PDB file of all heavy atoms in Angstrom:
ATOM      1  N   THR A   1      -9.108 206.885-163.732  1.00  0.00           N
ATOM      2  CA  THR A   1      -7.994 206.006-164.098  1.00  0.00           C
ATOM      3  C   THR A   1      -7.193 205.595-162.872  1.00  0.00           C
ATOM      4  O   THR A   1      -6.877 204.415-162.671  1.00  0.00           O
ATOM      5  CB  THR A   1      -7.062 206.685-165.110  1.00  0.00           C
ATOM      6  OG1 THR A   1      -7.830 207.036-166.287  1.00  0.00           O
ATOM      7  CG2 THR A   1      -5.911 205.796-165.489  1.00  0.00           C
ATOM      8  N   VAL A   2      -6.871 206.573-162.023  1.00  0.00           N
ATOM      9  CA  VAL A   2      -6.072 206.283-160.819  1.00  0.00           C
ATOM     10  C   VAL A   2      -6.819 205.335-159.876  1.00  0.00           C
ATOM     11  O   VAL A   2      -6.260 204.369-159.364  1.00  0.00           O
ATOM     12  CB  VAL A   2      -5.699 207.592-160.093  1.00  0.00           C
ATOM     13  CG1 VAL A   2      -5.040 207.301-158.752  1.00  0.00           C
ATOM     14  CG2 VAL A   2      -4.766 208.440-160.966  1.00  0.00           C
ATOM     15  N   LEU A   3      -8.094 205.626-159.637  1.00  0.00           N
ATOM     16  CA  LEU A   3      -8.885 204.787-158.725  1.00  0.00           C
ATOM     17  C   LEU A   3      -9.049 203.351-159.285  1.00  0.00           C
ATOM     18  O   LEU A   3      -9.027 202.400-158.510  1.00  0.00           O
ATOM     19  CB  LEU A   3     -10.247 205.420-158.467  1.00  0.00           C
ATOM     20  CG  LEU A   3     -10.253 206.656-157.562  1.00  0.00           C
ATOM     21  CD1 LEU A   3     -11.613 207.316-157.575  1.00  0.00           C
ATOM     22  CD2 LEU A   3      -9.861 206.284-156.140  1.00  0.00           C
ATOM     23  N   SER A   4      -9.220 203.237-160.584  1.00  0.00           N
ATOM     24  CA  SER A   4      -9.375 201.890-161.162  1.00  0.00           C
ATOM     25  C   SER A   4      -8.085 201.079-161.016  1.00  0.00           C
ATOM     26  O   SER A   4      -8.133 199.884-160.694  1.00  0.00           O
ATOM     27  CB  SER A   4      -9.787 201.993-162.628  1.00  0.00           C
ATOM     28  OG  SER A   4      -8.774 202.558-163.416  1.00  0.00           O
ATOM     29  N   VAL A   5      -6.931 201.706-161.283  1.00  0.00           N
ATOM     30  CA  VAL A   5      -5.657 201.005-161.128  1.00  0.00           C
ATOM     31  C   VAL A   5      -5.438 200.583-159.684  1.00  0.00           C
ATOM     32  O   VAL A   5      -5.082 199.433-159.415  1.00  0.00           O
ATOM     33  CB  VAL A   5      -4.492 201.899-161.609  1.00  0.00           C
ATOM     34  CG1 VAL A   5      -3.165 201.255-161.284  1.00  0.00           C
ATOM     35  CG2 VAL A   5      -4.583 202.160-163.102  1.00  0.00           C
ATOM     36  N   LEU A   6      -5.672 201.507-158.757  1.00  0.00           N
ATOM     37  CA  LEU A   6      -5.457 201.188-157.347  1.00  0.00           C
ATOM     38  C   LEU A   6      -6.449 200.151-156.836  1.00  0.00           C
ATOM     39  O   LEU A   6      -6.081 199.240-156.093  1.00  0.00           O
ATOM     40  CB  LEU A   6      -5.558 202.470-156.507  1.00  0.00           C
ATOM     41  CG  LEU A   6      -4.481 203.519-156.726  1.00  0.00           C
ATOM     42  CD1 LEU A   6      -4.765 204.755-155.883  1.00  0.00           C
ATOM     43  CD2 LEU A   6      -3.096 202.940-156.370  1.00  0.00           C
ATOM     44  N   GLY A   7      -7.715 200.259-157.260  1.00  0.00           N
ATOM     45  CA  GLY A   7      -8.744 199.338-156.787  1.00  0.00           C
ATOM     46  C   GLY A   7      -8.498 197.906-157.252  1.00  0.00           C
ATOM     47  O   GLY A   7      -8.464 196.965-156.457  1.00  0.00           O
ATOM     48  N   VAL A   8      -8.340 197.739-158.563  1.00  0.00           N
ATOM     49  CA  VAL A   8      -8.102 196.400-159.112  1.00  0.00           C
ATOM     50  C   VAL A   8      -6.717 195.866-158.681  1.00  0.00           C
ATOM     51  O   VAL A   8      -6.571 194.682-158.391  1.00  0.00           O
ATOM     52  CB  VAL A   8      -8.238 196.388-160.626  1.00  0.00           C
ATOM     53  CG1 VAL A   8      -7.958 195.009-161.193  1.00  0.00           C
ATOM     54  CG2 VAL A   8      -9.660 196.827-161.027  1.00  0.00           C
ATOM     55  N   GLY A   9      -5.745 196.759-158.600  1.00  0.00           N
ATOM     56  CA  GLY A   9      -4.412 196.332-158.158  1.00  0.00           C
ATOM     57  C   GLY A   9      -4.407 195.852-156.730  1.00  0.00           C
ATOM     58  O   GLY A   9      -3.768 194.831-156.407  1.00  0.00           O
ATOM     59  N   THR A  10      -5.132 196.537-155.836  1.00  0.00           N
ATOM     60  CA  THR A  10      -5.200 196.113-154.433  1.00  0.00           C
ATOM     61  C   THR A  10      -5.953 194.790-154.312  1.00  0.00           C
ATOM     62  O   THR A  10      -5.541 193.918-153.518  1.00  0.00           O
ATOM     63  CB  THR A  10      -5.915 197.187-153.602  1.00  0.00           C
ATOM     64  OG1 THR A  10      -5.258 198.439-153.768  1.00  0.00           O
ATOM     65  CG2 THR A  10      -5.896 196.830-152.122  1.00  0.00           C
ATOM     66  N   LEU A  11      -7.006 194.626-155.085  1.00  0.00           N
ATOM     67  CA  LEU A  11      -7.730 193.363-155.073  1.00  0.00           C
ATOM     68  C   LEU A  11      -6.841 192.217-155.550  1.00  0.00           C
ATOM     69  O   LEU A  11      -6.814 191.124-154.986  1.00  0.00           O
ATOM     70  CB  LEU A  11      -8.970 193.465-155.952  1.00  0.00           C
ATOM     71  CG  LEU A  11      -9.800 192.199-156.159  1.00  0.00           C
ATOM     72  CD1 LEU A  11     -10.349 191.697-154.811  1.00  0.00           C
ATOM     73  CD2 LEU A  11     -10.949 192.442-157.135  1.00  0.00           C
ATOM     74  N   THR A  12      -6.079 192.479-156.623  1.00  0.00           N
ATOM     75  CA  THR A  12      -5.161 191.464-157.153  1.00  0.00           C
ATOM     76  C   THR A  12      -4.096 191.103-156.126  1.00  0.00           C
ATOM     77  O   THR A  12      -3.733 189.911-155.972  1.00  0.00           O
ATOM     78  CB  THR A  12      -4.501 191.969-158.440  1.00  0.00           C
ATOM     79  OG1 THR A  12      -5.508 192.358-159.366  1.00  0.00           O
ATOM     80  CG2 THR A  12      -3.600 190.945-159.053  1.00  0.00           C
ATOM     81  N   TYR A  13      -3.573 192.090-155.417  1.00  0.00           N
ATOM     82  CA  TYR A  13      -2.587 191.825-154.369  1.00  0.00           C
ATOM     83  C   TYR A  13      -3.135 190.867-153.334  1.00  0.00           C
ATOM     84  O   TYR A  13      -2.473 189.887-152.942  1.00  0.00           O
ATOM     85  CB  TYR A  13      -2.171 193.144-153.721  1.00  0.00           C
ATOM     86  CG  TYR A  13      -1.200 192.944-152.563  1.00  0.00           C
ATOM     87  CD1 TYR A  13       0.186 192.857-152.797  1.00  0.00           C
ATOM     88  CD2 TYR A  13      -1.663 192.825-151.258  1.00  0.00           C
ATOM     89  CE1 TYR A  13       1.070 192.655-151.748  1.00  0.00           C
ATOM     90  CE2 TYR A  13      -0.763 192.631-150.200  1.00  0.00           C
ATOM     91  CZ  TYR A  13       0.582 192.549-150.450  1.00  0.00           C
ATOM     92  OH  TYR A  13       1.452 192.339-149.413  1.00  0.00           O
ATOM     93  N   GLY A  14      -4.353 191.134-152.870  1.00  0.00           N
ATOM     94  CA  GLY A  14      -4.946 190.275-151.868  1.00  0.00           C
ATOM     95  C   GLY A  14      -5.128 188.837-152.385  1.00  0.00           C
ATOM     96  O   GLY A  14      -4.871 187.873-151.644  1.00  0.00           O
ATOM     97  N   LEU A  15      -5.572 188.691-153.616  1.00  0.00           N
ATOM     98  CA  LEU A  15      -5.803 187.344-154.171  1.00  0.00           C
ATOM     99  C   LEU A  15      -4.514 186.580-154.391  1.00  0.00           C
ATOM    100  O   LEU A  15      -4.452 185.361-154.145  1.00  0.00           O
ATOM    101  CB  LEU A  15      -6.557 187.487-155.495  1.00  0.00           C
ATOM    102  CG  LEU A  15      -8.022 187.969-155.395  1.00  0.00           C
ATOM    103  CD1 LEU A  15      -8.568 188.246-156.779  1.00  0.00           C
ATOM    104  CD2 LEU A  15      -8.870 186.924-154.682  1.00  0.00           C
ATOM    105  N   ILE A  16      -3.455 187.247-154.840  1.00  0.00           N
ATOM    106  CA  ILE A  16      -2.188 186.568-155.112  1.00  0.00           C
ATOM    107  C   ILE A  16      -1.449 186.258-153.822  1.00  0.00           C
ATOM    108  O   ILE A  16      -0.911 185.155-153.621  1.00  0.00           O
ATOM    109  CB  ILE A  16      -1.321 187.419-156.063  1.00  0.00           C
ATOM    110  CG1 ILE A  16      -1.942 187.435-157.470  1.00  0.00           C
ATOM    111  CG2 ILE A  16       0.103 186.860-156.127  1.00  0.00           C
ATOM    112  CD1 ILE A  16      -1.154 188.259-158.472  1.00  0.00           C
ATOM    113  N   GLU A  17      -1.394 187.223-152.899  1.00  0.00           N
ATOM    114  CA  GLU A  17      -0.600 187.058-151.702  1.00  0.00           C
ATOM    115  C   GLU A  17      -1.338 186.327-150.579  1.00  0.00           C
ATOM    116  O   GLU A  17      -0.731 185.875-149.620  1.00  0.00           O
ATOM    117  CB  GLU A  17      -0.153 188.429-151.170  1.00  0.00           C
ATOM    118  CG  GLU A  17       0.775 189.187-152.111  1.00  0.00           C
ATOM    119  CD  GLU A  17       2.139 188.536-152.237  1.00  0.00           C
ATOM    120  OE1 GLU A  17       2.539 187.831-151.277  1.00  0.00           O
ATOM    121  OE2 GLU A  17       2.802 188.723-153.277  1.00  0.00           O
ATOM    122  N   GLY A  18      -2.656 186.175-150.713  1.00  0.00           N
ATOM    123  CA  GLY A  18      -3.431 185.541-149.648  1.00  0.00           C
ATOM    124  C   GLY A  18      -3.008 184.124-149.377  1.00  0.00           C
ATOM    125  O   GLY A  18      -3.028 183.664-148.225  1.00  0.00           O
ATOM    126  N   GLY A  19      -2.630 183.382-150.444  1.00  0.00           N
ATOM    127  CA  GLY A  19      -2.218 181.992-150.250  1.00  0.00           C
ATOM    128  C   GLY A  19      -0.963 181.825-149.422  1.00  0.00           C
ATOM    129  O   GLY A  19      -0.830 180.877-148.674  1.00  0.00           O
ATOM    130  N   SER A  20      -0.026 182.782-149.581  1.00  0.00           N
ATOM    131  CA  SER A  20       1.246 182.650-148.865  1.00  0.00           C
ATOM    132  C   SER A  20       1.218 183.354-147.500  1.00  0.00           C
ATOM    133  O   SER A  20       1.823 182.900-146.536  1.00  0.00           O
ATOM    134  CB  SER A  20       2.390 183.214-149.705  1.00  0.00           C
ATOM    135  OG  SER A  20       2.154 184.571-150.048  1.00  0.00           O
ATOM    136  N   ARG A  21       0.496 184.461-147.395  1.00  0.00           N
ATOM    137  CA  ARG A  21       0.454 185.227-146.130  1.00  0.00           C
ATOM    138  C   ARG A  21      -0.659 184.756-145.190  1.00  0.00           C
ATOM    139  O   ARG A  21      -0.636 185.096-144.006  1.00  0.00           O
ATOM    140  CB  ARG A  21       0.276 186.734-146.441  1.00  0.00           C
ATOM    141  CG  ARG A  21       1.456 187.359-147.168  1.00  0.00           C
ATOM    142  CD  ARG A  21       1.175 188.814-147.483  1.00  0.00           C
ATOM    143  NE  ARG A  21       2.289 189.439-148.169  1.00  0.00           N
ATOM    144  CZ  ARG A  21       3.262 190.108-147.567  1.00  0.00           C
ATOM    145  NH1 ARG A  21       3.247 190.211-146.234  1.00  0.00           N
ATOM    146  NH2 ARG A  21       4.227 190.648-148.234  1.00  0.00           N
ATOM    147  N   GLY A  22      -1.636 184.036-145.756  1.00  0.00           N
ATOM    148  CA  GLY A  22      -2.767 183.649-144.942  1.00  0.00           C
ATOM    149  C   GLY A  22      -3.979 184.534-145.229  1.00  0.00           C
ATOM    150  O   GLY A  22      -3.866 185.777-145.173  1.00  0.00           O
ATOM    151  N   TRP A  23      -5.116 183.900-145.524  1.00  0.00           N
ATOM    152  CA  TRP A  23      -6.291 184.671-145.939  1.00  0.00           C
ATOM    153  C   TRP A  23      -6.849 185.552-144.825  1.00  0.00           C
ATOM    154  O   TRP A  23      -7.580 186.510-145.102  1.00  0.00           O
ATOM    155  CB  TRP A  23      -7.381 183.719-146.471  1.00  0.00           C
ATOM    156  CG  TRP A  23      -6.972 183.017-147.696  1.00  0.00           C
ATOM    157  CD1 TRP A  23      -6.573 181.699-147.805  1.00  0.00           C
ATOM    158  CD2 TRP A  23      -6.854 183.565-149.004  1.00  0.00           C
ATOM    159  NE1 TRP A  23      -6.240 181.404-149.110  1.00  0.00           N
ATOM    160  CE2 TRP A  23      -6.414 182.522-149.875  1.00  0.00           C
ATOM    161  CE3 TRP A  23      -7.097 184.826-149.548  1.00  0.00           C
ATOM    162  CZ2 TRP A  23      -6.205 182.725-151.230  1.00  0.00           C
ATOM    163  CZ3 TRP A  23      -6.888 185.012-150.907  1.00  0.00           C
ATOM    164  CH2 TRP A  23      -6.453 183.987-151.730  1.00  0.00           C
ATOM    165  N   THR A  24      -6.539 185.247-143.587  1.00  0.00           N
ATOM    166  CA  THR A  24      -7.057 186.043-142.470  1.00  0.00           C
ATOM    167  C   THR A  24      -6.009 186.984-141.880  1.00  0.00           C
ATOM    168  O   THR A  24      -6.257 187.593-140.858  1.00  0.00           O
ATOM    169  CB  THR A  24      -7.593 185.127-141.359  1.00  0.00           C
ATOM    170  OG1 THR A  24      -6.541 184.269-140.903  1.00  0.00           O
ATOM    171  CG2 THR A  24      -8.753 184.287-141.865  1.00  0.00           C
ATOM    172  N   SER A  25      -4.848 187.087-142.528  1.00  0.00           N
ATOM    173  CA  SER A  25      -3.830 187.983-142.004  1.00  0.00           C
ATOM    174  C   SER A  25      -4.269 189.440-142.180  1.00  0.00           C
ATOM    175  O   SER A  25      -5.031 189.778-143.095  1.00  0.00           O
ATOM    176  CB  SER A  25      -2.510 187.771-142.744  1.00  0.00           C
ATOM    177  OG  SER A  25      -2.604 188.188-144.099  1.00  0.00           O
ATOM    178  N   PRO A  26      -3.835 190.322-141.296  1.00  0.00           N
ATOM    179  CA  PRO A  26      -4.257 191.737-141.357  1.00  0.00           C
ATOM    180  C   PRO A  26      -3.955 192.380-142.695  1.00  0.00           C
ATOM    181  O   PRO A  26      -4.741 193.189-143.183  1.00  0.00           O
ATOM    182  CB  PRO A  26      -3.461 192.395-140.216  1.00  0.00           C
ATOM    183  CG  PRO A  26      -3.194 191.279-139.256  1.00  0.00           C
ATOM    184  CD  PRO A  26      -2.996 190.053-140.086  1.00  0.00           C
ATOM    185  N   VAL A  27      -2.796 192.043-143.279  1.00  0.00           N
ATOM    186  CA  VAL A  27      -2.416 192.664-144.582  1.00  0.00           C
ATOM    187  C   VAL A  27      -3.414 192.277-145.673  1.00  0.00           C
ATOM    188  O   VAL A  27      -3.859 193.141-146.443  1.00  0.00           O
ATOM    189  CB  VAL A  27      -1.000 192.242-144.962  1.00  0.00           C
ATOM    190  CG1 VAL A  27      -0.678 192.720-146.382  1.00  0.00           C
ATOM    191  CG2 VAL A  27       0.012 192.781-143.971  1.00  0.00           C
ATOM    192  N   ILE A  28      -3.794 191.012-145.716  1.00  0.00           N
ATOM    193  CA  ILE A  28      -4.721 190.553-146.778  1.00  0.00           C
ATOM    194  C   ILE A  28      -6.125 191.074-146.530  1.00  0.00           C
ATOM    195  O   ILE A  28      -6.767 191.581-147.482  1.00  0.00           O
ATOM    196  CB  ILE A  28      -4.703 189.012-146.836  1.00  0.00           C
ATOM    197  CG1 ILE A  28      -3.311 188.503-147.155  1.00  0.00           C
ATOM    198  CG2 ILE A  28      -5.702 188.530-147.875  1.00  0.00           C
ATOM    199  CD1 ILE A  28      -2.691 189.074-148.412  1.00  0.00           C
ATOM    200  N   LEU A  29      -6.604 191.009-145.311  1.00  0.00           N
ATOM    201  CA  LEU A  29      -7.922 191.553-145.033  1.00  0.00           C
ATOM    202  C   LEU A  29      -7.962 193.045-145.303  1.00  0.00           C
ATOM    203  O   LEU A  29      -8.952 193.573-145.826  1.00  0.00           O
ATOM    204  CB  LEU A  29      -8.315 191.250-143.566  1.00  0.00           C
ATOM    205  CG  LEU A  29      -8.546 189.780-143.194  1.00  0.00           C
ATOM    206  CD1 LEU A  29      -8.830 189.642-141.710  1.00  0.00           C
ATOM    207  CD2 LEU A  29      -9.706 189.215-144.017  1.00  0.00           C
ATOM    208  N   GLY A  30      -6.873 193.727-144.947  1.00  0.00           N
ATOM    209  CA  GLY A  30      -6.781 195.162-145.206  1.00  0.00           C
ATOM    210  C   GLY A  30      -6.792 195.472-146.694  1.00  0.00           C
ATOM    211  O   GLY A  30      -7.409 196.446-147.157  1.00  0.00           O
TER     212      GLY A  30
END
């Protein structure tokens, strides 16, 4: 349960924030 929440949540963060932070920014790539 913990790994699924963290995994999908981290992926969602990258997809939502990538447009504003830049798709190649270290935070999004990380």
